[in-house]
């Protein structure tokens, strides 16, 4: 049981690193204005999961760390991932990351997760990634956001599994 729990914790750490890296990359791609809150939230969630995953991995082999604290951290990390994934999916609703039709491109252009920031208003609105030589970045950023959400949902499932095995291991002690 400890090996399964340890493997799930390693997966949690790896997925936390992926979520952190994707979120930071998306934040760095924001050229005008500040990054959307969901991207900074994703970076926080990935970093939180990395730290808590490390602590929980140590707790698998060292009984000095209270299981209640580990399970509470799991509940927080799982909640953070679930909320983050849902928010990204909702913000990307109706957008195809591979679609090139005018309506889809317009949705991508006005989506703050994808456009890299905008300045101006109305007909004078200029967004960083809508310039002709940068429009392929809309698709790239869309796929990165989809991947971020997918890893958040996968991490949510792995953390729930790890929490179950942590609970079962604590009952066996």
N, C-alpha and C. Protein backbone atom coordinates (compact mmCIF):
# COMPACT_ATOMS: atom_id res chain seq x y z
N UNK A 1 0.82 -1.21 0.00
CA UNK A 1 0.00 0.00 0.00
C UNK A 1 0.86 1.26 0.00
N UNK A 2 1.98 1.23 0.73
CA UNK A 2 2.83 2.40 0.79
C UNK A 2 3.43 2.72 -0.58
N UNK A 3 3.75 1.69 -1.35
CA UNK A 3 4.32 1.93 -2.67
C UNK A 3 3.31 2.58 -3.61
N UNK A 4 2.07 2.16 -3.53
CA UNK A 4 1.02 2.77 -4.36
C UNK A 4 0.84 4.23 -3.95
N UNK A 5 0.80 4.47 -2.65
CA UNK A 5 0.65 5.84 -2.16
C UNK A 5 1.83 6.70 -2.60
N UNK A 6 3.04 6.15 -2.49
CA UNK A 6 4.23 6.89 -2.91
C UNK A 6 4.19 7.19 -4.42
N UNK A 7 3.76 6.22 -5.20
CA UNK A 7 3.66 6.43 -6.66
C UNK A 7 2.65 7.53 -6.98
N UNK A 8 1.52 7.53 -6.28
CA UNK A 8 0.52 8.57 -6.49
C UNK A 8 1.07 9.95 -6.08
N UNK A 9 1.86 9.97 -5.03
CA UNK A 9 2.46 11.25 -4.58
C UNK A 9 3.48 11.75 -5.60
N UNK A 10 4.25 10.85 -6.18
CA UNK A 10 5.21 11.25 -7.22
C UNK A 10 4.45 11.81 -8.42
N UNK A 11 3.35 11.16 -8.80
CA UNK A 11 2.52 11.67 -9.89
C UNK A 11 1.98 13.06 -9.54
N UNK A 12 1.55 13.24 -8.30
CA UNK A 12 1.06 14.54 -7.86
C UNK A 12 2.14 15.61 -8.02
N UNK A 13 3.34 15.28 -7.64
CA UNK A 13 4.45 16.22 -7.74
C UNK A 13 4.75 16.54 -9.21
N UNK A 14 4.80 15.51 -10.05
CA UNK A 14 5.07 15.73 -11.48
C UNK A 14 3.97 16.56 -12.14
N UNK A 15 2.71 16.23 -11.86
CA UNK A 15 1.61 16.98 -12.45
C UNK A 15 1.57 18.41 -11.91
N UNK A 16 1.93 18.58 -10.65
CA UNK A 16 2.02 19.93 -10.09
C UNK A 16 3.07 20.75 -10.83
N UNK A 17 4.19 20.11 -11.17
CA UNK A 17 5.24 20.80 -11.92
C UNK A 17 4.75 21.17 -13.33
N UNK A 18 3.99 20.28 -13.95
CA UNK A 18 3.46 20.55 -15.30
C UNK A 18 2.47 21.72 -15.24
N UNK A 19 1.55 21.71 -14.27
CA UNK A 19 0.58 22.79 -14.14
C UNK A 19 1.29 24.11 -13.87
N UNK A 20 2.28 24.09 -13.00
CA UNK A 20 3.06 25.29 -12.70
C UNK A 20 3.75 25.80 -13.96
N UNK A 21 4.41 24.91 -14.70
CA UNK A 21 5.14 25.31 -15.90
C UNK A 21 4.21 25.87 -16.97
N UNK A 22 3.09 25.20 -17.21
CA UNK A 22 2.13 25.70 -18.21
C UNK A 22 1.59 27.07 -17.81
N UNK A 23 1.22 27.21 -16.55
CA UNK A 23 0.66 28.48 -16.07
C UNK A 23 1.67 29.61 -16.16
N UNK A 24 2.90 29.34 -15.78
CA UNK A 24 3.95 30.37 -15.85
C UNK A 24 4.23 30.74 -17.30
N UNK A 25 4.24 29.76 -18.18
CA UNK A 25 4.44 30.04 -19.60
C UNK A 25 3.32 30.92 -20.15
N UNK A 26 2.09 30.63 -19.75
CA UNK A 26 0.96 31.46 -20.18
C UNK A 26 1.06 32.87 -19.61
N UNK A 27 1.51 32.97 -18.36
CA UNK A 27 1.68 34.30 -17.74
C UNK A 27 2.76 35.09 -18.48
N UNK A 28 3.86 34.42 -18.83
CA UNK A 28 4.93 35.10 -19.56
C UNK A 28 4.48 35.55 -20.95
N UNK A 29 3.49 34.88 -21.51
CA UNK A 29 2.96 35.24 -22.81
C UNK A 29 1.99 36.41 -22.78
N UNK A 30 1.73 36.93 -21.60
CA UNK A 30 0.85 38.09 -21.45
C UNK A 30 1.70 39.33 -21.62
N UNK A 31 1.53 40.04 -22.73
CA UNK A 31 2.39 41.17 -23.04
C UNK A 31 1.77 42.52 -22.72
N UNK A 32 0.46 42.59 -22.71
CA UNK A 32 -0.22 43.85 -22.43
C UNK A 32 -1.10 43.66 -21.20
N UNK A 33 -0.92 44.48 -20.19
CA UNK A 33 -1.71 44.35 -18.98
C UNK A 33 -1.24 43.18 -18.12
N UNK A 34 -2.01 42.90 -17.11
CA UNK A 34 -1.64 41.81 -16.22
C UNK A 34 -2.26 40.50 -16.69
N UNK A 35 -1.66 39.40 -16.25
CA UNK A 35 -2.14 38.07 -16.64
C UNK A 35 -3.52 37.82 -16.04
N UNK A 36 -4.36 37.09 -16.76
CA UNK A 36 -5.67 36.73 -16.20
C UNK A 36 -5.50 35.99 -14.87
N UNK A 37 -6.42 36.23 -13.96
CA UNK A 37 -6.34 35.65 -12.62
C UNK A 37 -6.26 34.13 -12.64
N UNK A 38 -6.93 33.50 -13.58
CA UNK A 38 -6.94 32.04 -13.60
C UNK A 38 -5.54 31.49 -13.89
N UNK A 39 -4.72 32.23 -14.62
CA UNK A 39 -3.37 31.76 -14.89
C UNK A 39 -2.47 31.90 -13.66
N UNK A 40 -2.61 33.00 -12.93
CA UNK A 40 -1.84 33.12 -11.69
C UNK A 40 -2.35 32.13 -10.65
N UNK A 41 -3.64 31.88 -10.65
CA UNK A 41 -4.23 30.87 -9.78
C UNK A 41 -3.66 29.48 -10.13
N UNK A 42 -3.52 29.20 -11.42
CA UNK A 42 -2.95 27.93 -11.85
C UNK A 42 -1.52 27.76 -11.38
N UNK A 43 -0.73 28.85 -11.45
CA UNK A 43 0.65 28.80 -10.98
C UNK A 43 0.68 28.54 -9.47
N UNK A 44 -0.17 29.22 -8.73
CA UNK A 44 -0.26 28.99 -7.29
C UNK A 44 -0.65 27.54 -7.00
N UNK A 45 -1.64 27.03 -7.71
CA UNK A 45 -2.13 25.68 -7.47
C UNK A 45 -1.04 24.65 -7.76
N UNK A 46 -0.32 24.84 -8.86
CA UNK A 46 0.78 23.92 -9.18
C UNK A 46 1.87 23.94 -8.12
N UNK A 47 2.23 25.15 -7.67
CA UNK A 47 3.27 25.28 -6.64
C UNK A 47 2.79 24.68 -5.31
N UNK A 48 1.54 24.94 -4.96
CA UNK A 48 0.97 24.38 -3.73
C UNK A 48 1.00 22.86 -3.77
N UNK A 49 0.62 22.30 -4.90
CA UNK A 49 0.60 20.85 -5.05
C UNK A 49 2.02 20.27 -4.99
N UNK A 50 2.98 20.98 -5.56
CA UNK A 50 4.37 20.52 -5.47
C UNK A 50 4.83 20.42 -4.02
N UNK A 51 4.59 21.47 -3.27
CA UNK A 51 5.03 21.50 -1.87
C UNK A 51 4.28 20.44 -1.05
N UNK A 52 2.95 20.42 -1.19
CA UNK A 52 2.15 19.46 -0.42
C UNK A 52 2.44 18.02 -0.84
N UNK A 53 2.72 17.83 -2.12
CA UNK A 53 3.07 16.49 -2.59
C UNK A 53 4.38 16.01 -1.97
N UNK A 54 5.35 16.93 -1.86
CA UNK A 54 6.62 16.58 -1.21
C UNK A 54 6.41 16.21 0.25
N UNK A 55 5.64 17.03 0.95
CA UNK A 55 5.35 16.75 2.36
C UNK A 55 4.61 15.43 2.50
N UNK A 56 3.63 15.20 1.65
CA UNK A 56 2.85 13.96 1.72
C UNK A 56 3.69 12.74 1.37
N UNK A 57 4.64 12.91 0.43
CA UNK A 57 5.54 11.80 0.10
C UNK A 57 6.41 11.43 1.29
N UNK A 58 6.92 12.43 1.98
CA UNK A 58 7.70 12.17 3.19
C UNK A 58 6.82 11.49 4.24
N UNK A 59 5.56 11.93 4.34
CA UNK A 59 4.64 11.38 5.34
C UNK A 59 4.34 9.90 5.10
N UNK A 60 4.52 9.44 3.86
CA UNK A 60 4.31 8.02 3.58
C UNK A 60 5.29 7.17 4.38
N UNK A 61 6.51 7.67 4.54
CA UNK A 61 7.56 6.89 5.19
C UNK A 61 7.92 7.36 6.59
N UNK A 62 7.54 8.60 6.95
CA UNK A 62 7.85 9.16 8.27
C UNK A 62 6.54 9.43 8.99
N UNK A 63 6.33 8.78 10.12
CA UNK A 63 5.06 8.88 10.82
C UNK A 63 4.94 10.14 11.68
N UNK A 64 5.96 10.99 11.68
CA UNK A 64 5.92 12.20 12.52
C UNK A 64 4.94 13.24 11.97
N UNK A 65 4.61 13.14 10.70
CA UNK A 65 3.68 14.11 10.10
C UNK A 65 2.26 13.58 10.29
N UNK A 66 1.41 14.37 10.95
CA UNK A 66 0.04 13.90 11.22
C UNK A 66 -0.75 13.68 9.92
N UNK A 67 -1.42 12.54 9.83
CA UNK A 67 -2.22 12.21 8.65
C UNK A 67 -3.36 13.20 8.44
N UNK A 68 -3.87 13.76 9.53
CA UNK A 68 -4.95 14.74 9.41
C UNK A 68 -4.46 15.94 8.60
N UNK A 69 -3.23 16.38 8.85
CA UNK A 69 -2.66 17.51 8.11
C UNK A 69 -2.49 17.16 6.63
N UNK A 70 -2.04 15.94 6.37
CA UNK A 70 -1.85 15.51 4.98
C UNK A 70 -3.20 15.44 4.27
N UNK A 71 -4.19 14.88 4.93
CA UNK A 71 -5.52 14.77 4.32
C UNK A 71 -6.16 16.15 4.11
N UNK A 72 -5.93 17.07 5.01
CA UNK A 72 -6.43 18.44 4.84
C UNK A 72 -5.75 19.11 3.65
N UNK A 73 -4.44 18.93 3.53
CA UNK A 73 -3.71 19.48 2.39
C UNK A 73 -4.21 18.86 1.08
N UNK A 74 -4.50 17.56 1.10
CA UNK A 74 -5.06 16.89 -0.07
C UNK A 74 -6.40 17.50 -0.46
N UNK A 75 -7.23 17.74 0.53
CA UNK A 75 -8.55 18.32 0.26
C UNK A 75 -8.41 19.71 -0.37
N UNK A 76 -7.49 20.49 0.16
CA UNK A 76 -7.26 21.83 -0.41
C UNK A 76 -6.72 21.74 -1.83
N UNK A 77 -5.70 20.92 -2.04
CA UNK A 77 -5.10 20.79 -3.37
C UNK A 77 -6.11 20.27 -4.38
N UNK A 78 -6.89 19.27 -4.00
CA UNK A 78 -7.90 18.72 -4.90
C UNK A 78 -8.94 19.78 -5.25
N UNK A 79 -9.36 20.54 -4.26
CA UNK A 79 -10.34 21.61 -4.50
C UNK A 79 -9.76 22.68 -5.43
N UNK A 80 -8.52 23.07 -5.17
CA UNK A 80 -7.87 24.08 -6.02
C UNK A 80 -7.82 23.61 -7.47
N UNK A 81 -7.43 22.35 -7.67
CA UNK A 81 -7.34 21.81 -9.03
C UNK A 81 -8.71 21.75 -9.71
N UNK A 82 -9.69 21.27 -8.99
CA UNK A 82 -11.02 21.15 -9.58
C UNK A 82 -11.57 22.51 -9.99
N UNK A 83 -11.45 23.48 -9.10
CA UNK A 83 -11.94 24.83 -9.40
C UNK A 83 -11.17 25.44 -10.58
N UNK A 84 -9.86 25.32 -10.57
CA UNK A 84 -9.06 25.87 -11.66
C UNK A 84 -9.40 25.26 -13.01
N UNK A 85 -9.53 23.94 -13.04
CA UNK A 85 -9.88 23.27 -14.29
C UNK A 85 -11.24 23.70 -14.81
N UNK A 86 -12.20 23.80 -13.91
CA UNK A 86 -13.55 24.21 -14.31
C UNK A 86 -13.55 25.63 -14.85
N UNK A 87 -12.83 26.53 -14.19
CA UNK A 87 -12.79 27.93 -14.65
C UNK A 87 -12.19 28.02 -16.05
N UNK A 88 -11.11 27.30 -16.30
CA UNK A 88 -10.50 27.35 -17.64
C UNK A 88 -11.46 26.80 -18.69
N UNK A 89 -12.11 25.68 -18.39
CA UNK A 89 -13.06 25.10 -19.33
C UNK A 89 -14.20 26.08 -19.63
N UNK A 90 -14.71 26.72 -18.60
CA UNK A 90 -15.80 27.68 -18.79
C UNK A 90 -15.32 28.87 -19.63
N UNK A 91 -14.12 29.36 -19.36
CA UNK A 91 -13.60 30.51 -20.11
C UNK A 91 -13.30 30.17 -21.57
N UNK A 92 -13.03 28.90 -21.86
CA UNK A 92 -12.75 28.48 -23.24
C UNK A 92 -13.99 27.92 -23.94
N UNK A 93 -15.12 27.93 -23.27
CA UNK A 93 -16.35 27.36 -23.83
C UNK A 93 -16.67 27.99 -25.18
N UNK A 94 -16.96 27.14 -26.14
CA UNK A 94 -17.34 27.61 -27.47
C UNK A 94 -16.17 27.91 -28.39
N UNK A 95 -14.94 27.66 -27.93
CA UNK A 95 -13.76 27.93 -28.75
C UNK A 95 -13.13 26.60 -29.15
N UNK A 96 -12.80 26.48 -30.42
CA UNK A 96 -12.07 25.32 -30.91
C UNK A 96 -10.61 25.74 -31.09
N UNK A 97 -9.72 25.04 -30.43
CA UNK A 97 -8.31 25.43 -30.49
C UNK A 97 -7.69 25.17 -31.86
N UNK A 98 -8.36 24.42 -32.71
CA UNK A 98 -7.83 24.16 -34.05
C UNK A 98 -8.67 24.83 -35.14
N UNK A 99 -9.77 25.47 -34.77
CA UNK A 99 -10.66 26.08 -35.76
C UNK A 99 -10.13 27.40 -36.30
N UNK A 100 -10.30 27.59 -37.60
CA UNK A 100 -9.84 28.82 -38.24
C UNK A 100 -10.97 29.64 -38.85
N UNK A 101 -12.21 29.27 -38.59
CA UNK A 101 -13.30 30.06 -39.15
C UNK A 101 -13.37 31.42 -38.45
N UNK A 102 -14.01 32.37 -39.07
CA UNK A 102 -14.01 33.75 -38.56
C UNK A 102 -14.63 33.87 -37.18
N UNK A 103 -15.72 33.17 -36.94
CA UNK A 103 -16.37 33.25 -35.63
C UNK A 103 -15.46 32.72 -34.53
N UNK A 104 -14.82 31.59 -34.78
CA UNK A 104 -13.92 31.01 -33.79
C UNK A 104 -12.72 31.93 -33.53
N UNK A 105 -12.14 32.49 -34.61
CA UNK A 105 -11.01 33.41 -34.45
C UNK A 105 -11.41 34.65 -33.67
N UNK A 106 -12.64 35.13 -33.91
CA UNK A 106 -13.13 36.30 -33.16
C UNK A 106 -13.26 35.96 -31.68
N UNK A 107 -13.79 34.76 -31.37
CA UNK A 107 -13.90 34.35 -29.97
C UNK A 107 -12.51 34.27 -29.33
N UNK A 108 -11.55 33.74 -30.07
CA UNK A 108 -10.19 33.64 -29.55
C UNK A 108 -9.58 35.03 -29.34
N UNK A 109 -9.82 35.91 -30.28
CA UNK A 109 -9.28 37.26 -30.22
C UNK A 109 -9.75 37.99 -28.97
N UNK A 110 -11.02 37.82 -28.62
CA UNK A 110 -11.57 38.53 -27.46
C UNK A 110 -11.40 37.78 -26.14
N UNK A 111 -10.82 36.59 -26.17
CA UNK A 111 -10.66 35.81 -24.95
C UNK A 111 -9.38 36.24 -24.22
N UNK A 112 -9.50 36.73 -23.00
CA UNK A 112 -8.32 37.23 -22.28
C UNK A 112 -7.30 36.14 -21.93
N UNK A 113 -7.70 34.87 -21.95
CA UNK A 113 -6.73 33.80 -21.71
C UNK A 113 -5.82 33.60 -22.91
N UNK A 114 -6.27 34.04 -24.08
CA UNK A 114 -5.56 33.73 -25.31
C UNK A 114 -4.88 34.91 -25.97
N UNK A 115 -5.44 36.11 -25.86
CA UNK A 115 -5.01 37.21 -26.70
C UNK A 115 -3.74 37.94 -26.26
N UNK A 116 -3.17 37.62 -25.13
CA UNK A 116 -1.92 38.25 -24.70
C UNK A 116 -2.07 39.66 -24.19
N UNK A 117 -3.32 40.09 -23.99
CA UNK A 117 -3.59 41.43 -23.51
C UNK A 117 -3.98 42.37 -24.63
N UNK A 118 -4.82 43.33 -24.33
CA UNK A 118 -5.32 44.27 -25.33
C UNK A 118 -5.20 45.70 -24.82
N UNK A 119 -5.09 46.62 -25.77
CA UNK A 119 -5.14 48.06 -25.47
C UNK A 119 -6.13 48.70 -26.43
N UNK A 120 -6.71 49.78 -26.03
CA UNK A 120 -7.67 50.49 -26.86
C UNK A 120 -9.08 49.99 -26.63
N UNK A 121 -10.01 50.60 -27.38
CA UNK A 121 -11.43 50.23 -27.26
C UNK A 121 -12.08 50.26 -28.63
N UNK A 122 -13.17 49.53 -28.74
CA UNK A 122 -13.96 49.54 -29.96
C UNK A 122 -13.14 49.16 -31.18
N UNK A 123 -13.21 50.00 -32.23
CA UNK A 123 -12.49 49.71 -33.47
C UNK A 123 -10.98 49.90 -33.32
N UNK A 124 -10.56 50.55 -32.26
CA UNK A 124 -9.13 50.77 -32.01
C UNK A 124 -8.53 49.73 -31.06
N UNK A 125 -9.26 48.65 -30.83
CA UNK A 125 -8.77 47.59 -29.94
C UNK A 125 -7.65 46.82 -30.62
N UNK A 126 -6.52 46.74 -29.96
CA UNK A 126 -5.38 45.97 -30.47
C UNK A 126 -4.96 44.97 -29.41
N UNK A 127 -4.94 43.71 -29.81
CA UNK A 127 -4.51 42.65 -28.91
C UNK A 127 -3.19 42.08 -29.41
N UNK A 128 -2.35 41.70 -28.47
CA UNK A 128 -0.98 41.28 -28.77
C UNK A 128 -0.91 40.16 -29.80
N UNK A 129 -1.68 39.11 -29.64
CA UNK A 129 -1.56 37.95 -30.52
C UNK A 129 -2.53 37.97 -31.69
N UNK A 130 -3.14 39.09 -31.98
CA UNK A 130 -4.01 39.12 -33.14
C UNK A 130 -3.33 39.74 -34.35
N UNK A 131 -2.14 40.23 -34.18
CA UNK A 131 -1.40 40.76 -35.32
C UNK A 131 -1.14 39.62 -36.30
N UNK A 132 -1.12 39.89 -37.60
CA UNK A 132 -1.00 38.82 -38.60
C UNK A 132 0.16 37.86 -38.36
N UNK A 133 1.30 38.37 -37.93
CA UNK A 133 2.45 37.49 -37.74
C UNK A 133 2.40 36.73 -36.41
N UNK A 134 1.39 36.98 -35.58
CA UNK A 134 1.30 36.32 -34.28
C UNK A 134 0.00 35.54 -34.10
N UNK A 135 -0.86 35.48 -35.11
CA UNK A 135 -2.17 34.86 -34.93
C UNK A 135 -2.08 33.37 -34.61
N UNK A 136 -1.01 32.69 -35.03
CA UNK A 136 -0.85 31.28 -34.70
C UNK A 136 -0.70 31.08 -33.19
N UNK A 137 -0.28 32.11 -32.48
CA UNK A 137 -0.14 32.03 -31.02
C UNK A 137 -1.49 31.89 -30.33
N UNK A 138 -2.56 32.40 -30.94
CA UNK A 138 -3.90 32.20 -30.36
C UNK A 138 -4.19 30.72 -30.22
N UNK A 139 -3.90 29.96 -31.27
CA UNK A 139 -4.14 28.51 -31.24
C UNK A 139 -3.21 27.83 -30.24
N UNK A 140 -1.96 28.25 -30.23
CA UNK A 140 -0.98 27.67 -29.32
C UNK A 140 -1.38 27.92 -27.86
N UNK A 141 -1.76 29.14 -27.55
CA UNK A 141 -2.16 29.48 -26.18
C UNK A 141 -3.44 28.76 -25.79
N UNK A 142 -4.32 28.57 -26.76
CA UNK A 142 -5.56 27.84 -26.50
C UNK A 142 -5.23 26.40 -26.10
N UNK A 143 -4.35 25.76 -26.85
CA UNK A 143 -3.96 24.38 -26.55
C UNK A 143 -3.25 24.28 -25.21
N UNK A 144 -2.44 25.28 -24.88
CA UNK A 144 -1.77 25.29 -23.58
C UNK A 144 -2.78 25.41 -22.44
N UNK A 145 -3.80 26.25 -22.63
CA UNK A 145 -4.84 26.37 -21.61
C UNK A 145 -5.62 25.07 -21.48
N UNK A 146 -5.93 24.42 -22.60
CA UNK A 146 -6.62 23.13 -22.54
C UNK A 146 -5.77 22.10 -21.80
N UNK A 147 -4.47 22.08 -22.09
CA UNK A 147 -3.58 21.15 -21.41
C UNK A 147 -3.51 21.46 -19.91
N UNK A 148 -3.47 22.73 -19.57
CA UNK A 148 -3.45 23.13 -18.16
C UNK A 148 -4.70 22.61 -17.44
N UNK A 149 -5.85 22.80 -18.07
CA UNK A 149 -7.10 22.31 -17.47
C UNK A 149 -7.09 20.79 -17.37
N UNK A 150 -6.62 20.12 -18.41
CA UNK A 150 -6.58 18.65 -18.39
C UNK A 150 -5.69 18.15 -17.25
N UNK A 151 -4.52 18.74 -17.10
CA UNK A 151 -3.63 18.31 -16.01
C UNK A 151 -4.22 18.64 -14.65
N UNK A 152 -4.99 19.71 -14.56
CA UNK A 152 -5.66 20.01 -13.29
C UNK A 152 -6.68 18.93 -12.96
N UNK A 153 -7.46 18.50 -13.94
CA UNK A 153 -8.45 17.45 -13.69
C UNK A 153 -7.78 16.12 -13.38
N UNK A 154 -6.72 15.78 -14.10
CA UNK A 154 -6.00 14.53 -13.84
C UNK A 154 -5.38 14.57 -12.45
N UNK A 155 -4.80 15.71 -12.09
CA UNK A 155 -4.20 15.86 -10.76
C UNK A 155 -5.25 15.72 -9.67
N UNK A 156 -6.42 16.28 -9.91
CA UNK A 156 -7.53 16.15 -8.97
C UNK A 156 -7.80 14.67 -8.68
N UNK A 157 -7.87 13.86 -9.72
CA UNK A 157 -8.15 12.43 -9.55
C UNK A 157 -7.00 11.73 -8.81
N UNK A 158 -5.76 12.05 -9.18
CA UNK A 158 -4.62 11.42 -8.52
C UNK A 158 -4.55 11.80 -7.04
N UNK A 159 -4.86 13.05 -6.72
CA UNK A 159 -4.83 13.47 -5.31
C UNK A 159 -5.93 12.77 -4.53
N UNK A 160 -7.10 12.63 -5.12
CA UNK A 160 -8.16 11.88 -4.43
C UNK A 160 -7.72 10.45 -4.16
N UNK A 161 -7.11 9.82 -5.16
CA UNK A 161 -6.60 8.46 -4.98
C UNK A 161 -5.54 8.39 -3.89
N UNK A 162 -4.63 9.35 -3.91
CA UNK A 162 -3.58 9.38 -2.89
C UNK A 162 -4.18 9.59 -1.50
N UNK A 163 -5.20 10.42 -1.42
CA UNK A 163 -5.85 10.66 -0.12
C UNK A 163 -6.51 9.38 0.40
N UNK A 164 -7.13 8.64 -0.48
CA UNK A 164 -7.76 7.37 -0.07
C UNK A 164 -6.70 6.41 0.45
N UNK A 165 -5.61 6.27 -0.28
CA UNK A 165 -4.55 5.36 0.17
C UNK A 165 -3.87 5.87 1.44
N UNK A 166 -3.73 7.18 1.58
CA UNK A 166 -3.17 7.74 2.81
C UNK A 166 -4.06 7.41 4.00
N UNK A 167 -5.36 7.55 3.80
CA UNK A 167 -6.32 7.22 4.86
C UNK A 167 -6.25 5.73 5.21
N UNK A 168 -6.21 4.88 4.20
CA UNK A 168 -6.13 3.43 4.45
C UNK A 168 -4.82 3.06 5.15
N UNK A 169 -3.72 3.70 4.75
CA UNK A 169 -2.44 3.44 5.42
C UNK A 169 -2.47 3.88 6.88
N UNK A 170 -3.13 4.99 7.16
CA UNK A 170 -3.19 5.48 8.54
C UNK A 170 -4.05 4.57 9.40
N UNK A 171 -5.05 3.93 8.82
CA UNK A 171 -5.90 3.00 9.56
C UNK A 171 -5.14 1.72 9.88
N UNK A 172 -4.20 1.33 9.03
CA UNK A 172 -3.43 0.12 9.25
C UNK A 172 -2.38 0.29 10.34
N UNK A 173 -1.99 1.55 10.60
CA UNK A 173 -0.99 1.82 11.63
C UNK A 173 -1.61 1.56 12.96
